[in-house]
Amino acid sequence: MITHAELTEARERAAGYIRDAGLTISDSESTLIEVADFGLGRLRQEGAQILTLVQTDRFAVKIIVLFPRQTLPEHWHPPVGDDPGKEEVVRVLSGTMLVYIAGDDTMRAGFVPPGKESVYTLRHEIVMTPGGQHTFLPGDKHWFQGGKEGAVVFSFSSVVRDALDGFSDPAIRRKTEIGE
């Protein structure tokens, strides 16, 4: 759970990151930035700010903002019915984003949030800077972390069903709750 003040501050800060990356968004669009704490109540450590630009039944375009050292938890996009699951391409616009996927442990620049070693199982690190791009196939487990200056990232994907994403951390709730 986050407070209204945390929501407002994170939206304003994320809008600033997006604009500093050279993208134009209106003031009304900035109020649509989703602030996701994943039900953990630790937004500065684990969370993400997401502005959906386009979402149809077939594809989506989003801007993901990660603040410095903020971690978007380990997750995957499972199959739904006859659909194999979401395919996603991420492309860094500004800053540095650390991407973690299956493979040998090459973690050097990032870190697992303290006390979360059992739910951040992937340690193969890809350091992405502006222009860096990676494709996740349906079902590929992955997680992200902002570098020391944070990151602004495009996410292009097939059909989006964020509420159905799988998370390694059983404490995660995809829908953010706002308290006083």
Protein backbone atom coordinates (compact mmCIF):
# COMPACT_ATOMS: atom_id res chain seq x y z
CA MET A 1 0.00 0.00 0.00
CA ILE A 2 1.18 3.53 -0.76
CA THR A 3 -0.21 6.87 0.34
CA HIS A 4 -1.82 9.51 -1.87
CA ALA A 5 1.27 11.66 -1.27
CA GLU A 6 3.59 8.84 -2.44
CA LEU A 7 1.39 8.30 -5.52
CA THR A 8 1.46 12.00 -6.45
CA GLU A 9 5.20 12.35 -5.84
CA ALA A 10 6.03 9.22 -7.86
CA ARG A 11 3.82 10.33 -10.78
CA GLU A 12 5.38 13.80 -10.87
CA ARG A 13 8.89 12.42 -10.60
CA ALA A 14 8.24 9.81 -13.32
CA ALA A 15 6.76 12.48 -15.63
CA GLY A 16 9.95 14.48 -15.14
CA TYR A 17 12.08 11.47 -16.08
CA ILE A 18 9.98 10.89 -19.20
CA ARG A 19 10.26 14.53 -20.27
CA ASP A 20 14.00 14.58 -19.52
CA ALA A 21 14.32 11.55 -21.83
CA GLY A 22 13.01 13.78 -24.63
CA LEU A 23 9.44 12.49 -24.80
CA THR A 24 6.49 14.82 -24.73
CA ILE A 25 3.62 13.95 -22.44
CA SER A 26 0.76 16.21 -21.44
CA ASP A 27 -0.10 17.10 -17.86
CA SER A 28 -3.24 14.97 -18.18
CA GLU A 29 -1.16 11.99 -19.37
CA SER A 30 1.11 12.37 -16.35
CA THR A 31 -1.90 11.75 -14.10
CA LEU A 32 -2.37 8.37 -15.85
CA ILE A 33 1.04 7.05 -14.80
CA GLU A 34 0.46 3.84 -12.87
CA VAL A 35 2.51 3.65 -9.71
CA ALA A 36 3.02 -0.04 -8.96
CA ASP A 37 4.32 -1.07 -5.55
CA PHE A 38 3.19 -4.67 -6.11
CA GLY A 39 1.47 -4.64 -2.73
CA LEU A 40 4.82 -4.61 -0.96
CA GLY A 41 4.69 -1.06 0.42
CA ARG A 42 8.36 -0.51 -0.51
CA LEU A 43 7.98 1.61 -3.65
CA ARG A 44 11.48 3.10 -3.53
CA GLN A 45 12.99 -0.40 -3.41
CA GLU A 46 10.49 -2.54 -5.34
CA GLY A 47 8.12 -0.95 -7.81
CA ALA A 48 7.77 0.75 -11.16
CA GLN A 49 6.01 3.68 -12.78
CA ILE A 50 4.19 2.77 -16.00
CA LEU A 51 2.50 5.00 -18.57
CA THR A 52 0.37 3.07 -21.05
CA LEU A 53 0.40 4.85 -24.41
CA VAL A 54 -1.54 2.24 -26.39
CA GLN A 55 -3.33 -0.92 -25.34
CA THR A 56 -5.59 -2.91 -27.64
CA ASP A 57 -6.62 -6.54 -27.75
CA ARG A 58 -3.53 -7.26 -29.88
CA PHE A 59 -0.65 -5.05 -28.70
CA ALA A 60 0.53 -2.47 -26.18
CA VAL A 61 3.10 0.31 -25.92
CA LYS A 62 4.17 1.48 -22.49
CA ILE A 63 6.82 3.66 -20.92
CA ILE A 64 8.37 2.16 -17.79
CA VAL A 65 10.23 4.44 -15.41
CA LEU A 66 12.54 2.93 -12.83
CA PHE A 67 13.97 5.29 -10.23
CA PRO A 68 17.60 4.83 -9.14
CA ARG A 69 18.07 1.27 -7.86
CA GLN A 70 14.31 0.61 -7.96
CA THR A 71 13.54 -3.02 -8.77
CA LEU A 72 10.63 -4.35 -10.82
CA PRO A 73 10.14 -7.82 -9.26
CA GLU A 74 10.89 -11.14 -10.92
CA HIS A 75 7.96 -12.20 -13.09
CA TRP A 76 6.84 -13.95 -16.27
CA HIS A 77 3.95 -13.72 -18.72
CA PRO A 78 2.11 -17.07 -18.67
CA PRO A 79 -0.10 -18.60 -21.36
CA VAL A 80 -3.80 -17.82 -21.23
CA GLY A 81 -6.14 -20.23 -23.00
CA ASP A 82 -4.84 -20.79 -26.53
CA ASP A 83 -2.56 -17.72 -26.35
CA PRO A 84 1.08 -18.59 -25.48
CA GLY A 85 1.45 -15.44 -23.34
CA LYS A 86 2.78 -11.96 -23.80
CA GLU A 87 5.86 -11.38 -25.93
CA GLU A 88 7.67 -8.20 -24.88
CA VAL A 89 10.45 -6.02 -26.27
CA VAL A 90 12.06 -3.46 -23.98
CA ARG A 91 14.23 -0.62 -25.29
CA VAL A 92 16.10 1.83 -23.09
CA LEU A 93 15.57 5.51 -23.86
CA SER A 94 17.64 7.03 -21.04
CA GLY A 95 19.63 5.93 -18.04
CA THR A 96 20.67 2.38 -17.32
CA MET A 97 18.45 -0.63 -16.78
CA LEU A 98 19.79 -3.90 -15.45
CA VAL A 99 17.92 -6.90 -16.83
CA TYR A 100 18.06 -10.33 -15.19
CA ILE A 101 17.29 -13.51 -17.08
CA ALA A 102 18.04 -17.24 -16.83
CA GLY A 103 21.67 -18.16 -17.29
CA ASP A 104 25.01 -18.13 -15.51
CA ASP A 105 25.40 -15.79 -12.54
CA THR A 106 26.99 -12.64 -13.98
CA MET A 107 25.48 -10.15 -11.51
CA ARG A 108 27.97 -7.35 -10.95
CA ALA A 109 26.22 -3.98 -11.27
CA GLY A 110 22.96 -4.78 -9.48
CA PHE A 111 21.80 -6.47 -6.33
CA VAL A 112 18.94 -8.52 -4.97
CA PRO A 113 16.76 -6.47 -2.61
CA PRO A 114 17.77 -7.36 0.97
CA GLY A 115 15.92 -10.35 2.38
CA LYS A 116 14.55 -11.31 -1.06
CA GLU A 117 17.19 -13.81 -2.18
CA SER A 118 14.65 -16.65 -2.42
CA VAL A 119 12.29 -14.77 -4.77
CA TYR A 120 14.89 -13.21 -7.08
CA THR A 121 16.26 -16.41 -8.59
CA LEU A 122 17.75 -15.06 -11.84
CA ARG A 123 21.29 -13.69 -11.76
CA HIS A 124 22.32 -13.44 -15.43
CA GLU A 125 22.78 -9.67 -15.82
CA ILE A 126 22.41 -7.62 -18.97
CA VAL A 127 23.41 -3.95 -18.59
CA MET A 128 21.27 -1.89 -20.96
CA THR A 129 21.95 1.74 -21.86
CA PRO A 130 20.15 4.01 -24.36
CA GLY A 131 19.41 2.07 -27.54
CA GLY A 132 19.79 -1.28 -25.77
CA GLN A 133 16.98 -3.67 -26.55
CA HIS A 134 15.92 -7.13 -25.40
CA THR A 135 13.06 -9.46 -26.36
CA PHE A 136 11.28 -11.70 -23.86
CA LEU A 137 9.39 -14.65 -25.27
CA PRO A 138 6.17 -15.81 -23.60
CA GLY A 139 6.95 -17.45 -20.27
CA ASP A 140 10.52 -16.07 -19.98
CA LYS A 141 11.12 -15.22 -16.33
CA HIS A 142 12.86 -11.83 -15.84
CA TRP A 143 13.29 -8.81 -13.58
CA PHE A 144 14.59 -5.26 -13.94
CA GLN A 145 16.50 -2.79 -11.83
CA GLY A 146 17.20 0.88 -12.44
CA GLY A 147 20.85 1.90 -12.55
CA LYS A 148 22.27 4.64 -10.33
CA GLU A 149 20.49 7.30 -12.43
CA GLY A 150 17.33 5.28 -13.03
CA ALA A 151 15.94 4.42 -16.46
CA VAL A 152 13.19 5.28 -18.92
CA VAL A 153 12.24 2.33 -21.10
CA PHE A 154 9.79 1.58 -23.89
CA SER A 155 7.90 -1.70 -23.61
CA PHE A 156 6.34 -3.00 -26.81
CA SER A 157 4.29 -6.14 -26.37
CA SER A 158 1.64 -8.42 -27.67
CA VAL A 159 -1.62 -8.62 -25.75
CA VAL A 160 -1.28 -7.46 -22.15
CA ARG A 161 -2.83 -9.19 -19.18
CA ASP A 162 -0.77 -7.66 -16.35
CA ALA A 163 -3.17 -8.95 -13.70
CA LEU A 164 -2.33 -12.50 -14.79
CA ASP A 165 1.47 -12.14 -14.67
CA GLY A 166 3.23 -14.71 -12.51
CA PHE A 167 5.56 -13.49 -9.75
CA SER A 168 8.22 -15.42 -7.86
CA ASP A 169 7.36 -13.52 -4.65
CA PRO A 170 4.07 -14.91 -3.29
CA ALA A 171 3.54 -11.67 -1.32
CA ILE A 172 3.03 -9.64 -4.52
CA ARG A 173 -0.37 -8.20 -5.37
CA ARG A 174 -0.37 -6.68 -8.86
CA LYS A 175 -2.98 -4.00 -8.10
CA THR A 176 -1.66 -1.07 -6.08
CA GLU A 177 -3.74 -0.04 -3.09
CA ILE A 178 -3.82 3.62 -2.05
CA GLY A 179 -4.20 4.52 1.60
CA GLU A 180 -4.12 7.73 3.55
